[in-house]
Amino acid sequence: MRFYPRAAHAAACLLLILLTACGARTLNKKAARDLILRLDEGSLEREGVYIESVSQTGQRDAVAEATLRAAFRFEKVDDKWVIREVRLGKGEWQNLDQILRALARAKTEETRTLLAQVSTALDKYCEKNGALPNFKDYVSLSDLLSPNFMSYLIREDAWHRPLAAYRTGPDSLRLVSSGPDGQFGTADDIELVKAFPHK
């Protein structure tokens, strides 16, 4: 993908659209385009939104793959070009670092919620069985918890990266996401450490 300081195209932007928003049984390209244009009315122009494909992912969900017209402001720092701001359509310039930080914060909170759901499932398991399950890694742990103690299988964090689980003692464990940088053992890891009362 090429980025130009002006009027660049952000290709392959995946947008999840609920079908209930358009009130139709299926989502077509025109309806998807209209919904996208409503995201920020006045900023996105009809000719700046191209729907490449629409596919149903379920009875109530669809994915539209779209190309949106965007502009990028660059700055030369230490003889290297870096992107400073981005603008969709005719909208206002937005600081790219602030956008990325806000996304990281949202994904961090989402990941904390996922870890809390796994912790709740472990509480239920311990209440029924009197002890933590025996597991060798997070995949085997999640297999033991779903579906009896966890209504849906949680295997990944908000960045769609695998979670990890470690025993820290006979009645305690640590659930870990590698966080924004995707590397375990760094400062931005997201952890939930919990001890379970032994019965």
Foldseek 3Di string as FASTA:
>chain_A
DDADQAFDKDFFDKDKDWPVVVPDQADDQVNVLVVVCVPPPPQFDSVQKDWPDKDAPDRTIIITGIIGTKHWHWDQDPNDIDTQWMGTHNGDTDGPVVVVVVVLVVLLVQQVVVVVLLVQLQLVVCVVVQAGDDDDWVVRNQVVSPPPSHVDGDAAGSVRHGWIKAAPDRFKIKIWACGPVRDPPDPRIRIDIDGDDGD
